[in-house]
């Protein structure tokens, strides 16, 4: 792509391929599914398909998208509030969220291989997000489900995704607690930390893989990361269209906004970025600058009070934009043009 073309997403496919291959090696015998909700871009999925054991989807739309692209690859269907139509979708595993959902599944008369989603109330410290409340079932809900199983609907084990943004050590502690339950198959979900404040810091996949191998003891373990696989390969490239000071605060206004890249608003962080000096217009230099987009809302902020320099026409490259970025953004707010998409290939 040309640096002057903005806004645009740029996905580095060789970098994604290398990263996921290293994750696959570190996990050994632990099965690896990709959580499609993190980024369903077809080009990314084609790279991932060469390394993962399957895909985890959470809607009929994701299911149709993935099965159209990869008709032979296993699919796990999860998510709360499944409709009757979704319960009828073909799958490798179905993650059941409640006793009522299991009863509705049984009423279809179809065959199914089920993991019961457990919400065990284990203490989770240091997480960016905890999946408590309506997700899954407590131990009473699991007990209510157990006598309902029949020949055509088979209980295979447990599913639990308890938190996001955890390092390898805390995730292994959660896994140890979950694996006290006597099930031969356990899906431990995702939740591997991605640091937006220290982009060079990566989750310790080697330690996590070794820890899971020690905990497995003959059981079938599966994980389903999303963000931690694709975040690093994505960039949102835009351009400074205005610089100004308001009551002493310096601002750089860029083309596009958080209707393209909602991650910093959703996570409440500064999106890491680099500036390529392609401009030459009005500028601010060597002082705290807040980078904002074109939306008519004070929430349209990428990064606050970052000490740097920026000039009208400069190119701004926001990193870590490969997960929960374009796909979670409110694209049509103010009806600005949508970004272009480009792919670096080997």
C-alpha atoms as a PDB file:
ATOM      1  CA  UNK A   1       0.000   0.000   0.000  1.00  0.00           C
ATOM      2  CA  UNK A   2       1.077   3.628  -0.429  1.00  0.00           C
ATOM      3  CA  UNK A   3       1.692   5.544   2.788  1.00  0.00           C
ATOM      4  CA  UNK A   4      -0.502   8.317   1.454  1.00  0.00           C
ATOM      5  CA  UNK A   5      -3.514   5.994   1.219  1.00  0.00           C
ATOM      6  CA  UNK A   6      -5.475   6.332   4.412  1.00  0.00           C
ATOM      7  CA  UNK A   7      -7.274   5.183   6.376  1.00  0.00           C
ATOM      8  CA  UNK A   8      -6.426   1.534   5.718  1.00  0.00           C
ATOM      9  CA  UNK A   9      -5.860  -1.724   7.527  1.00  0.00           C
ATOM     10  CA  UNK A  10      -2.636  -3.575   6.801  1.00  0.00           C
ATOM     11  CA  UNK A  11      -2.306  -7.239   7.783  1.00  0.00           C
ATOM     12  CA  UNK A  12       1.129  -8.872   7.841  1.00  0.00           C
ATOM     13  CA  UNK A  13       0.320 -12.464   6.841  1.00  0.00           C
ATOM     14  CA  UNK A  14       3.891 -13.872   7.046  1.00  0.00           C
ATOM     15  CA  UNK A  15       4.193 -12.489  10.595  1.00  0.00           C
ATOM     16  CA  UNK A  16       0.887 -14.123  11.517  1.00  0.00           C
ATOM     17  CA  UNK A  17       2.000 -17.422  10.015  1.00  0.00           C
ATOM     18  CA  UNK A  18       5.275 -17.361  11.961  1.00  0.00           C
ATOM     19  CA  UNK A  19       3.583 -16.416  15.236  1.00  0.00           C
ATOM     20  CA  UNK A  20       0.840 -19.051  15.092  1.00  0.00           C
ATOM     21  CA  UNK A  21       3.342 -21.724  14.030  1.00  0.00           C
ATOM     22  CA  UNK A  22       5.420 -20.946  17.139  1.00  0.00           C
ATOM     23  CA  UNK A  23       2.301 -21.143  19.329  1.00  0.00           C
ATOM     24  CA  UNK A  24       1.394 -24.488  17.775  1.00  0.00           C
ATOM     25  CA  UNK A  25       4.878 -25.876  18.537  1.00  0.00           C
ATOM     26  CA  UNK A  26       4.779 -24.635  22.138  1.00  0.00           C
ATOM     27  CA  UNK A  27       1.423 -26.290  22.848  1.00  0.00           C
ATOM     28  CA  UNK A  28       2.520 -29.818  22.022  1.00  0.00           C
ATOM     29  CA  UNK A  29      -0.463 -32.127  22.409  1.00  0.00           C
ATOM     30  CA  UNK A  30      -2.921 -29.436  23.545  1.00  0.00           C
ATOM     31  CA  UNK A  31      -5.514 -28.785  20.837  1.00  0.00           C
ATOM     32  CA  UNK A  32      -5.641 -25.263  19.410  1.00  0.00           C
ATOM     33  CA  UNK A  33      -8.865 -23.675  18.159  1.00  0.00           C
ATOM     34  CA  UNK A  34      -9.086 -20.049  17.003  1.00  0.00           C
ATOM     35  CA  UNK A  35     -11.874 -17.866  18.425  1.00  0.00           C
ATOM     36  CA  UNK A  36     -13.254 -16.317  15.236  1.00  0.00           C
ATOM     37  CA  UNK A  37     -14.867 -13.441  17.151  1.00  0.00           C
ATOM     38  CA  UNK A  38     -11.408 -11.856  17.510  1.00  0.00           C
ATOM     39  CA  UNK A  39     -11.128 -11.251  13.757  1.00  0.00           C
ATOM     40  CA  UNK A  40     -13.046 -13.131  11.035  1.00  0.00           C
ATOM     41  CA  UNK A  41     -11.052 -11.690   8.104  1.00  0.00           C
ATOM     42  CA  UNK A  42     -10.891 -14.456   5.476  1.00  0.00           C
ATOM     43  CA  UNK A  43      -7.219 -13.903   4.629  1.00  0.00           C
ATOM     44  CA  UNK A  44      -6.238 -14.259   8.285  1.00  0.00           C
ATOM     45  CA  UNK A  45      -8.393 -17.367   8.638  1.00  0.00           C
ATOM     46  CA  UNK A  46      -6.646 -18.965   5.653  1.00  0.00           C
ATOM     47  CA  UNK A  47      -3.289 -18.549   7.393  1.00  0.00           C
ATOM     48  CA  UNK A  48      -4.656 -19.800  10.719  1.00  0.00           C
ATOM     49  CA  UNK A  49      -6.250 -22.853   9.103  1.00  0.00           C
ATOM     50  CA  UNK A  50      -2.790 -24.223   8.390  1.00  0.00           C
ATOM     51  CA  UNK A  51      -1.974 -24.409  12.101  1.00  0.00           C
ATOM     52  CA  UNK A  52      -5.145 -24.770  14.182  1.00  0.00           C
ATOM     53  CA  UNK A  53      -7.166 -27.889  14.957  1.00  0.00           C
ATOM     54  CA  UNK A  54     -10.446 -26.067  14.436  1.00  0.00           C
ATOM     55  CA  UNK A  55     -12.410 -22.838  14.843  1.00  0.00           C
ATOM     56  CA  UNK A  56     -14.644 -21.653  17.682  1.00  0.00           C
ATOM     57  CA  UNK A  57     -17.697 -19.708  16.487  1.00  0.00           C
ATOM     58  CA  UNK A  58     -20.425 -17.957  18.451  1.00  0.00           C
ATOM     59  CA  UNK A  59     -23.194 -17.308  15.941  1.00  0.00           C
ATOM     60  CA  UNK A  60     -24.854 -18.679  12.838  1.00  0.00           C
ATOM     61  CA  UNK A  61     -23.117 -15.958  10.840  1.00  0.00           C
ATOM     62  CA  UNK A  62     -19.650 -16.979  12.011  1.00  0.00           C
ATOM     63  CA  UNK A  63     -20.558 -20.624  11.458  1.00  0.00           C
ATOM     64  CA  UNK A  64     -21.625 -19.975   7.850  1.00  0.00           C
ATOM     65  CA  UNK A  65     -18.512 -17.902   7.174  1.00  0.00           C
ATOM     66  CA  UNK A  66     -16.073 -20.500   8.507  1.00  0.00           C
ATOM     67  CA  UNK A  67     -17.739 -23.598   7.083  1.00  0.00           C
ATOM     68  CA  UNK A  68     -17.948 -21.966   3.659  1.00  0.00           C
ATOM     69  CA  UNK A  69     -14.195 -21.266   3.706  1.00  0.00           C
ATOM     70  CA  UNK A  70     -13.100 -24.539   5.364  1.00  0.00           C
ATOM     71  CA  UNK A  71     -15.789 -27.200   4.938  1.00  0.00           C
ATOM     72  CA  UNK A  72     -13.649 -29.968   6.419  1.00  0.00           C
ATOM     73  CA  UNK A  73     -12.269 -28.254   9.520  1.00  0.00           C
ATOM     74  CA  UNK A  74     -13.827 -28.951  12.956  1.00  0.00           C
ATOM     75  CA  UNK A  75     -16.060 -26.226  14.393  1.00  0.00           C
ATOM     76  CA  UNK A  76     -16.996 -25.670  18.030  1.00  0.00           C
ATOM     77  CA  UNK A  77     -20.206 -23.692  18.524  1.00  0.00           C
ATOM     78  CA  UNK A  78     -20.386 -21.583  21.661  1.00  0.00           C
ATOM     79  CA  UNK A  79     -21.976 -18.403  22.943  1.00  0.00           C
ATOM     80  CA  UNK A  80     -24.945 -17.584  25.180  1.00  0.00           C
ATOM     81  CA  UNK A  81     -28.490 -17.242  23.879  1.00  0.00           C
ATOM     82  CA  UNK A  82     -28.302 -19.754  21.036  1.00  0.00           C
ATOM     83  CA  UNK A  83     -31.434 -19.907  18.921  1.00  0.00           C
ATOM     84  CA  UNK A  84     -33.102 -23.193  18.012  1.00  0.00           C
ATOM     85  CA  UNK A  85     -31.710 -22.772  14.483  1.00  0.00           C
ATOM     86  CA  UNK A  86     -28.178 -22.407  15.863  1.00  0.00           C
ATOM     87  CA  UNK A  87     -28.578 -25.523  18.014  1.00  0.00           C
ATOM     88  CA  UNK A  88     -29.259 -27.426  14.789  1.00  0.00           C
ATOM     89  CA  UNK A  89     -26.034 -26.349  13.092  1.00  0.00           C
ATOM     90  CA  UNK A  90     -23.464 -29.099  12.386  1.00  0.00           C
ATOM     91  CA  UNK A  91     -20.518 -28.993  14.756  1.00  0.00           C
ATOM     92  CA  UNK A  92     -17.620 -30.910  16.242  1.00  0.00           C
ATOM     93  CA  UNK A  93     -18.448 -29.685  19.742  1.00  0.00           C
ATOM     94  CA  UNK A  94     -21.395 -27.704  21.108  1.00  0.00           C
ATOM     95  CA  UNK A  95     -20.780 -25.622  24.235  1.00  0.00           C
ATOM     96  CA  UNK A  96     -24.030 -25.751  26.231  1.00  0.00           C
ATOM     97  CA  UNK A  97     -24.663 -22.740  28.476  1.00  0.00           C
ATOM     98  CA  UNK A  98     -27.641 -23.806  30.595  1.00  0.00           C
ATOM     99  CA  UNK A  99     -29.949 -26.694  31.490  1.00  0.00           C
ATOM    100  CA  UNK A 100     -32.700 -25.078  29.422  1.00  0.00           C
ATOM    101  CA  UNK A 101     -30.405 -24.879  26.402  1.00  0.00           C
ATOM    102  CA  UNK A 102     -29.626 -28.582  26.815  1.00  0.00           C
ATOM    103  CA  UNK A 103     -33.347 -29.404  26.942  1.00  0.00           C
ATOM    104  CA  UNK A 104     -33.930 -27.455  23.744  1.00  0.00           C
ATOM    105  CA  UNK A 105     -31.028 -29.295  22.109  1.00  0.00           C
ATOM    106  CA  UNK A 106     -32.512 -32.653  23.129  1.00  0.00           C
ATOM    107  CA  UNK A 107     -35.869 -31.606  21.679  1.00  0.00           C
ATOM    108  CA  UNK A 108     -34.298 -31.280  18.215  1.00  0.00           C
ATOM    109  CA  UNK A 109     -33.732 -35.048  18.129  1.00  0.00           C
ATOM    110  CA  UNK A 110     -30.327 -34.464  16.510  1.00  0.00           C
ATOM    111  CA  UNK A 111     -26.986 -35.932  17.470  1.00  0.00           C
ATOM    112  CA  UNK A 112     -24.586 -33.672  19.336  1.00  0.00           C
ATOM    113  CA  UNK A 113     -21.270 -33.827  21.171  1.00  0.00           C
ATOM    114  CA  UNK A 114     -21.508 -31.490  24.140  1.00  0.00           C
ATOM    115  CA  UNK A 115     -19.214 -29.642  26.487  1.00  0.00           C
ATOM    116  CA  UNK A 116     -21.004 -28.089  29.473  1.00  0.00           C
ATOM    117  CA  UNK A 117     -19.817 -24.532  30.096  1.00  0.00           C
ATOM    118  CA  UNK A 118     -18.857 -24.166  33.732  1.00  0.00           C
ATOM    119  CA  UNK A 119     -18.770 -20.836  35.568  1.00  0.00           C
ATOM    120  CA  UNK A 120     -17.053 -22.081  38.730  1.00  0.00           C
ATOM    121  CA  UNK A 121     -16.579 -18.856  40.663  1.00  0.00           C
ATOM    122  CA  UNK A 122     -12.816 -19.324  40.983  1.00  0.00           C
ATOM    123  CA  UNK A 123     -10.901 -16.220  42.131  1.00  0.00           C
ATOM    124  CA  UNK A 124      -9.393 -14.342  39.179  1.00  0.00           C
ATOM    125  CA  UNK A 125      -6.896 -11.596  39.978  1.00  0.00           C
ATOM    126  CA  UNK A 126      -5.252  -9.255  37.492  1.00  0.00           C
ATOM    127  CA  UNK A 127      -7.638 -10.000  34.608  1.00  0.00           C
ATOM    128  CA  UNK A 128      -8.606  -7.345  32.073  1.00  0.00           C
ATOM    129  CA  UNK A 129     -12.086  -8.902  31.846  1.00  0.00           C
ATOM    130  CA  UNK A 130     -13.848 -11.628  33.820  1.00  0.00           C
ATOM    131  CA  UNK A 131     -16.564 -13.755  32.220  1.00  0.00           C
ATOM    132  CA  UNK A 132     -18.835 -13.964  35.233  1.00  0.00           C
ATOM    133  CA  UNK A 133     -22.579 -13.453  35.524  1.00  0.00           C
ATOM    134  CA  UNK A 134     -24.708 -15.054  32.792  1.00  0.00           C
ATOM    135  CA  UNK A 135     -21.949 -17.024  31.081  1.00  0.00           C
ATOM    136  CA  UNK A 136     -22.156 -20.771  31.596  1.00  0.00           C
ATOM    137  CA  UNK A 137     -23.465 -22.544  34.682  1.00  0.00           C
ATOM    138  CA  UNK A 138     -22.530 -23.000  38.302  1.00  0.00           C
ATOM    139  CA  UNK A 139     -22.112 -26.442  39.834  1.00  0.00           C
ATOM    140  CA  UNK A 140     -25.856 -26.731  40.487  1.00  0.00           C
ATOM    141  CA  UNK A 141     -26.581 -26.102  36.815  1.00  0.00           C
ATOM    142  CA  UNK A 142     -24.069 -28.765  35.790  1.00  0.00           C
ATOM    143  CA  UNK A 143     -25.676 -31.234  38.187  1.00  0.00           C
ATOM    144  CA  UNK A 144     -29.094 -30.474  36.686  1.00  0.00           C
ATOM    145  CA  UNK A 145     -27.750 -31.248  33.211  1.00  0.00           C
ATOM    146  CA  UNK A 146     -26.071 -34.574  33.954  1.00  0.00           C
ATOM    147  CA  UNK A 147     -29.202 -36.817  34.142  1.00  0.00           C
ATOM    148  CA  UNK A 148     -30.649 -35.269  30.971  1.00  0.00           C
ATOM    149  CA  UNK A 149     -28.145 -36.786  28.549  1.00  0.00           C
ATOM    150  CA  UNK A 150     -29.338 -39.471  26.140  1.00  0.00           C
ATOM    151  CA  UNK A 151     -27.671 -41.663  23.545  1.00  0.00           C
ATOM    152  CA  UNK A 152     -27.809 -39.168  20.687  1.00  0.00           C
ATOM    153  CA  UNK A 153     -26.560 -36.242  22.769  1.00  0.00           C
ATOM    154  CA  UNK A 154     -23.215 -37.172  24.272  1.00  0.00           C
ATOM    155  CA  UNK A 155     -21.446 -35.439  27.154  1.00  0.00           C
ATOM    156  CA  UNK A 156     -17.777 -35.064  26.224  1.00  0.00           C
ATOM    157  CA  UNK A 157     -16.555 -32.784  29.018  1.00  0.00           C
ATOM    158  CA  UNK A 158     -16.325 -29.212  30.286  1.00  0.00           C
ATOM    159  CA  UNK A 159     -15.751 -25.803  28.765  1.00  0.00           C
ATOM    160  CA  UNK A 160     -14.618 -22.782  30.781  1.00  0.00           C
ATOM    161  CA  UNK A 161     -13.462 -19.349  29.651  1.00  0.00           C
ATOM    162  CA  UNK A 162     -13.082 -17.402  32.867  1.00  0.00           C
ATOM    163  CA  UNK A 163     -11.071 -14.274  32.108  1.00  0.00           C
ATOM    164  CA  UNK A 164      -9.067 -12.288  29.576  1.00  0.00           C
ATOM    165  CA  UNK A 165      -5.718 -10.570  29.840  1.00  0.00           C
ATOM    166  CA  UNK A 166      -3.874 -13.068  32.036  1.00  0.00           C
ATOM    167  CA  UNK A 167      -0.235 -14.171  31.948  1.00  0.00           C
ATOM    168  CA  UNK A 168       0.755 -17.833  31.674  1.00  0.00           C
ATOM    169  CA  UNK A 169       1.128 -18.381  35.424  1.00  0.00           C
ATOM    170  CA  UNK A 170      -2.351 -17.223  36.484  1.00  0.00           C
ATOM    171  CA  UNK A 171      -3.940 -19.052  33.535  1.00  0.00           C
ATOM    172  CA  UNK A 172      -2.233 -22.272  34.601  1.00  0.00           C
ATOM    173  CA  UNK A 173      -3.528 -21.798  38.144  1.00  0.00           C
ATOM    174  CA  UNK A 174      -7.061 -21.493  36.779  1.00  0.00           C
ATOM    175  CA  UNK A 175      -6.494 -24.596  34.659  1.00  0.00           C
ATOM    176  CA  UNK A 176      -5.309 -26.520  37.715  1.00  0.00           C
ATOM    177  CA  UNK A 177      -8.531 -25.672  39.529  1.00  0.00           C
ATOM    178  CA  UNK A 178     -10.713 -26.623  36.579  1.00  0.00           C
ATOM    179  CA  UNK A 179      -8.940 -29.915  36.020  1.00  0.00           C
ATOM    180  CA  UNK A 180      -9.892 -31.097  39.500  1.00  0.00           C
ATOM    181  CA  UNK A 181     -13.228 -31.956  37.873  1.00  0.00           C
ATOM    182  CA  UNK A 182     -13.227 -35.559  36.641  1.00  0.00           C
ATOM    183  CA  UNK A 183     -13.812 -35.038  32.930  1.00  0.00           C
ATOM    184  CA  UNK A 184     -11.729 -36.578  30.156  1.00  0.00           C
ATOM    185  CA  UNK A 185     -12.061 -33.523  27.875  1.00  0.00           C
ATOM    186  CA  UNK A 186     -11.692 -29.907  28.979  1.00  0.00           C
ATOM    187  CA  UNK A 187     -11.700 -26.737  26.896  1.00  0.00           C
ATOM    188  CA  UNK A 188      -9.877 -24.049  28.863  1.00  0.00           C
ATOM    189  CA  UNK A 189     -10.897 -21.153  26.607  1.00  0.00           C
ATOM    190  CA  UNK A 190      -8.595 -18.248  25.821  1.00  0.00           C
ATOM    191  CA  UNK A 191      -7.701 -15.122  27.783  1.00  0.00           C
ATOM    192  CA  UNK A 192      -3.960 -14.908  27.036  1.00  0.00           C
ATOM    193  CA  UNK A 193      -2.622 -11.432  27.779  1.00  0.00           C
ATOM    194  CA  UNK A 194      -1.809  -8.922  25.045  1.00  0.00           C
ATOM    195  CA  UNK A 195      -0.054  -5.794  26.362  1.00  0.00           C
ATOM    196  CA  UNK A 196      -1.003  -2.540  24.639  1.00  0.00           C
ATOM    197  CA  UNK A 197       1.364  -0.600  26.915  1.00  0.00           C
ATOM    198  CA  UNK A 198       4.346  -2.849  26.162  1.00  0.00           C
ATOM    199  CA  UNK A 199       3.768  -4.217  22.643  1.00  0.00           C
ATOM    200  CA  UNK A 200       7.053  -6.118  22.620  1.00  0.00           C
ATOM    201  CA  UNK A 201       5.965  -8.233  25.593  1.00  0.00           C
ATOM    202  CA  UNK A 202       4.325 -11.481  24.531  1.00  0.00           C
ATOM    203  CA  UNK A 203       2.460 -14.210  26.352  1.00  0.00           C
ATOM    204  CA  UNK A 204       4.799 -17.035  27.443  1.00  0.00           C
ATOM    205  CA  UNK A 205       3.467 -19.813  25.231  1.00  0.00           C
ATOM    206  CA  UNK A 206       6.366 -22.146  26.034  1.00  0.00           C
ATOM    207  CA  UNK A 207       5.651 -22.026  29.769  1.00  0.00           C
ATOM    208  CA  UNK A 208       1.920 -22.371  29.196  1.00  0.00           C
ATOM    209  CA  UNK A 209       2.305 -25.338  26.870  1.00  0.00           C
ATOM    210  CA  UNK A 210       4.654 -27.101  29.269  1.00  0.00           C
ATOM    211  CA  UNK A 211       2.330 -26.400  32.188  1.00  0.00           C
ATOM    212  CA  UNK A 212      -0.691 -27.788  30.373  1.00  0.00           C
ATOM    213  CA  UNK A 213       1.256 -30.909  29.389  1.00  0.00           C
ATOM    214  CA  UNK A 214       2.039 -31.530  33.063  1.00  0.00           C
ATOM    215  CA  UNK A 215      -1.619 -31.023  34.039  1.00  0.00           C
ATOM    216  CA  UNK A 216      -3.151 -33.101  31.247  1.00  0.00           C
ATOM    217  CA  UNK A 217      -2.520 -36.565  32.740  1.00  0.00           C
ATOM    218  CA  UNK A 218      -4.040 -38.303  29.769  1.00  0.00           C
ATOM    219  CA  UNK A 219      -6.958 -35.914  29.389  1.00  0.00           C
ATOM    220  CA  UNK A 220      -7.830 -34.152  26.148  1.00  0.00           C
ATOM    221  CA  UNK A 221      -7.137 -30.429  26.609  1.00  0.00           C
ATOM    222  CA  UNK A 222      -8.125 -27.670  24.206  1.00  0.00           C
ATOM    223  CA  UNK A 223      -7.684 -23.898  24.198  1.00  0.00           C
ATOM    224  CA  UNK A 224      -9.343 -21.295  21.968  1.00  0.00           C
ATOM    225  CA  UNK A 225      -7.374 -18.021  21.910  1.00  0.00           C
ATOM    226  CA  UNK A 226      -8.312 -15.160  19.629  1.00  0.00           C
ATOM    227  CA  UNK A 227      -6.659 -11.811  20.362  1.00  0.00           C
ATOM    228  CA  UNK A 228      -3.328 -13.396  21.336  1.00  0.00           C
ATOM    229  CA  UNK A 229      -3.023 -14.996  17.896  1.00  0.00           C
ATOM    230  CA  UNK A 230      -3.995 -12.157  15.535  1.00  0.00           C
ATOM    231  CA  UNK A 231      -3.503  -8.843  17.380  1.00  0.00           C
ATOM    232  CA  UNK A 232       0.151  -8.487  16.412  1.00  0.00           C
ATOM    233  CA  UNK A 233      -0.295  -8.852  12.648  1.00  0.00           C
ATOM    234  CA  UNK A 234      -2.668  -5.895  12.185  1.00  0.00           C
ATOM    235  CA  UNK A 235      -2.019  -2.170  11.659  1.00  0.00           C
ATOM    236  CA  UNK A 236      -4.397   0.734  11.163  1.00  0.00           C
ATOM    237  CA  UNK A 237      -2.753   3.341   8.951  1.00  0.00           C
ATOM    238  CA  UNK A 238      -4.087   6.869   8.803  1.00  0.00           C
ATOM    239  CA  UNK A 239      -2.988  10.454   8.291  1.00  0.00           C
ATOM    240  CA  UNK A 240      -2.986  13.664  10.336  1.00  0.00           C
ATOM    241  CA  UNK A 241      -5.510  16.101   8.854  1.00  0.00           C
ATOM    242  CA  UNK A 242      -5.274  18.850  11.502  1.00  0.00           C
ATOM    243  CA  UNK A 243      -3.270  19.898  14.542  1.00  0.00           C
ATOM    244  CA  UNK A 244      -4.407  22.473  17.095  1.00  0.00           C
ATOM    245  CA  UNK A 245      -4.375  23.565  20.721  1.00  0.00           C
ATOM    246  CA  UNK A 246      -7.506  23.985  22.795  1.00  0.00           C
ATOM    247  CA  UNK A 247      -7.042  25.556  26.248  1.00  0.00           C
ATOM    248  CA  UNK A 248      -3.394  24.575  26.178  1.00  0.00           C
ATOM    249  CA  UNK A 249      -3.990  20.952  25.123  1.00  0.00           C
ATOM    250  CA  UNK A 250      -2.423  19.833  21.820  1.00  0.00           C
ATOM    251  CA  UNK A 251      -4.497  17.644  19.510  1.00  0.00           C
ATOM    252  CA  UNK A 252      -3.730  15.768  16.312  1.00  0.00           C
ATOM    253  CA  UNK A 253      -6.878  14.957  14.323  1.00  0.00           C
ATOM    254  CA  UNK A 254      -6.496  11.939  12.020  1.00  0.00           C
ATOM    255  CA  UNK A 255      -8.612  10.661   9.159  1.00  0.00           C
ATOM    256  CA  UNK A 256     -10.976   7.920  10.249  1.00  0.00           C
ATOM    257  CA  UNK A 257     -11.498   7.253  13.914  1.00  0.00           C
ATOM    258  CA  UNK A 258     -12.723   4.756  16.443  1.00  0.00           C
ATOM    259  CA  UNK A 259     -15.592   3.807  14.120  1.00  0.00           C
ATOM    260  CA  UNK A 260     -12.769   1.982  12.287  1.00  0.00           C
ATOM    261  CA  UNK A 261     -10.619   0.988  15.280  1.00  0.00           C
ATOM    262  CA  UNK A 262     -12.696   0.811  18.433  1.00  0.00           C
ATOM    263  CA  UNK A 263     -10.115  -1.119  20.481  1.00  0.00           C
ATOM    264  CA  UNK A 264      -8.728   1.817  22.540  1.00  0.00           C
ATOM    265  CA  UNK A 265     -12.221   3.005  23.510  1.00  0.00           C
ATOM    266  CA  UNK A 266     -13.374  -0.505  24.382  1.00  0.00           C
ATOM    267  CA  UNK A 267     -10.251  -1.364  26.384  1.00  0.00           C
ATOM    268  CA  UNK A 268      -9.698   2.115  27.823  1.00  0.00           C
ATOM    269  CA  UNK A 269      -6.058   2.327  26.785  1.00  0.00           C
ATOM    270  CA  UNK A 270      -3.748   4.290  24.493  1.00  0.00           C
ATOM    271  CA  UNK A 271      -3.309   2.468  21.200  1.00  0.00           C
ATOM    272  CA  UNK A 272       0.438   2.117  20.458  1.00  0.00           C
ATOM    273  CA  UNK A 273       1.530   3.962  17.324  1.00  0.00           C
ATOM    274  CA  UNK A 274       4.415   5.225  15.252  1.00  0.00           C
ATOM    275  CA  UNK A 275       4.562   8.383  13.162  1.00  0.00           C
ATOM    276  CA  UNK A 276       6.103   8.501   9.693  1.00  0.00           C
ATOM    277  CA  UNK A 277       6.932  12.161   8.863  1.00  0.00           C
ATOM    278  CA  UNK A 278       5.238  12.414   5.478  1.00  0.00           C
ATOM    279  CA  UNK A 279       3.715  15.825   6.120  1.00  0.00           C
ATOM    280  CA  UNK A 280       5.017  19.350   6.233  1.00  0.00           C
ATOM    281  CA  UNK A 281       2.070  21.443   7.284  1.00  0.00           C
ATOM    282  CA  UNK A 282       1.221  22.961  10.645  1.00  0.00           C
ATOM    283  CA  UNK A 283       2.791  21.000  13.491  1.00  0.00           C
ATOM    284  CA  UNK A 284       3.231  20.544  17.209  1.00  0.00           C
ATOM    285  CA  UNK A 285       6.545  19.238  18.473  1.00  0.00           C
ATOM    286  CA  UNK A 286       7.930  17.576  21.580  1.00  0.00           C
ATOM    287  CA  UNK A 287       4.905  17.936  23.820  1.00  0.00           C
ATOM    288  CA  UNK A 288       1.942  15.843  25.051  1.00  0.00           C
ATOM    289  CA  UNK A 289      -0.441  15.303  22.118  1.00  0.00           C
ATOM    290  CA  UNK A 290      -3.855  13.624  22.142  1.00  0.00           C
ATOM    291  CA  UNK A 291      -4.704  11.759  18.933  1.00  0.00           C
ATOM    292  CA  UNK A 292      -8.378  11.848  17.964  1.00  0.00           C
ATOM    293  CA  UNK A 293     -10.506  10.902  14.972  1.00  0.00           C
ATOM    294  CA  UNK A 294     -13.184  12.630  12.921  1.00  0.00           C
ATOM    295  CA  UNK A 295     -16.245  11.606  14.933  1.00  0.00           C
ATOM    296  CA  UNK A 296     -18.530  14.074  16.687  1.00  0.00           C
ATOM    297  CA  UNK A 297     -17.925  12.626  20.139  1.00  0.00           C
ATOM    298  CA  UNK A 298     -15.264  13.268  22.805  1.00  0.00           C
ATOM    299  CA  UNK A 299     -14.832   9.505  23.082  1.00  0.00           C
ATOM    300  CA  UNK A 300     -13.210   9.304  19.642  1.00  0.00           C
ATOM    301  CA  UNK A 301      -9.697   9.066  21.114  1.00  0.00           C
ATOM    302  CA  UNK A 302      -6.828   6.787  20.102  1.00  0.00           C
ATOM    303  CA  UNK A 303      -4.194   7.954  22.602  1.00  0.00           C
ATOM    304  CA  UNK A 304      -3.972  10.700  25.224  1.00  0.00           C
ATOM    305  CA  UNK A 305      -1.092  13.020  26.110  1.00  0.00           C
ATOM    306  CA  UNK A 306       1.664  11.121  24.326  1.00  0.00           C
ATOM    307  CA  UNK A 307       4.857  13.178  24.126  1.00  0.00           C
ATOM    308  CA  UNK A 308       5.768  13.282  20.426  1.00  0.00           C
ATOM    309  CA  UNK A 309       5.668  15.507  17.356  1.00  0.00           C
ATOM    310  CA  UNK A 310       3.059  15.580  14.604  1.00  0.00           C
ATOM    311  CA  UNK A 311       2.434  17.628  11.494  1.00  0.00           C
ATOM    312  CA  UNK A 312      -0.463  17.860   9.077  1.00  0.00           C
ATOM    313  CA  UNK A 313       0.081  15.185   6.450  1.00  0.00           C
ATOM    314  CA  UNK A 314       2.101  12.828   8.677  1.00  0.00           C
ATOM    315  CA  UNK A 315       1.246   9.132   8.518  1.00  0.00           C
ATOM    316  CA  UNK A 316       0.220   7.476  11.794  1.00  0.00           C
ATOM    317  CA  UNK A 317       0.516   3.698  12.074  1.00  0.00           C
ATOM    318  CA  UNK A 318      -1.435   2.188  14.973  1.00  0.00           C
ATOM    319  CA  UNK A 319      -0.130  -1.253  15.948  1.00  0.00           C
ATOM    320  CA  UNK A 320      -1.861  -4.224  17.608  1.00  0.00           C
ATOM    321  CA  UNK A 321      -4.880  -3.757  15.355  1.00  0.00           C
ATOM    322  CA  UNK A 322      -5.354  -7.374  14.320  1.00  0.00           C
ATOM    323  CA  UNK A 323      -8.033  -8.323  16.877  1.00  0.00           C
ATOM    324  CA  UNK A 324     -11.277  -6.756  18.125  1.00  0.00           C
ATOM    325  CA  UNK A 325     -10.628  -3.741  15.928  1.00  0.00           C
ATOM    326  CA  UNK A 326     -12.528  -3.298  12.655  1.00  0.00           C
ATOM    327  CA  UNK A 327     -14.948  -6.130  13.428  1.00  0.00           C
ATOM    328  CA  UNK A 328     -16.227  -4.559  16.686  1.00  0.00           C
ATOM    329  CA  UNK A 329     -16.402  -0.968  15.427  1.00  0.00           C
ATOM    330  CA  UNK A 330     -19.568   1.012  14.672  1.00  0.00           C
ATOM    331  CA  UNK A 331     -18.776   1.339  10.956  1.00  0.00           C
ATOM    332  CA  UNK A 332     -21.646   3.508   9.810  1.00  0.00           C
ATOM    333  CA  UNK A 333     -21.607   6.200  12.484  1.00  0.00           C
ATOM    334  CA  UNK A 334     -21.464   9.539  10.557  1.00  0.00           C
ATOM    335  CA  UNK A 335     -21.172   7.523   7.321  1.00  0.00           C
ATOM    336  CA  UNK A 336     -17.486   8.252   6.745  1.00  0.00           C
ATOM    337  CA  UNK A 337     -15.741   6.150   4.067  1.00  0.00           C
ATOM    338  CA  UNK A 338     -14.698   2.688   5.188  1.00  0.00           C
ATOM    339  CA  UNK A 339     -10.973   1.881   5.315  1.00  0.00           C
ATOM    340  CA  UNK A 340      -9.140  -0.029   2.609  1.00  0.00           C
ATOM    341  CA  UNK A 341      -7.646  -3.442   3.395  1.00  0.00           C
ATOM    342  CA  UNK A 342      -4.188  -4.556   2.308  1.00  0.00           C
ATOM    343  CA  UNK A 343      -2.172  -7.706   2.962  1.00  0.00           C
ATOM    344  CA  UNK A 344       1.562  -8.264   3.150  1.00  0.00           C
ATOM    345  CA  UNK A 345       2.322 -11.658   1.642  1.00  0.00           C
ATOM    346  CA  UNK A 346       5.416 -13.805   1.561  1.00  0.00           C
END
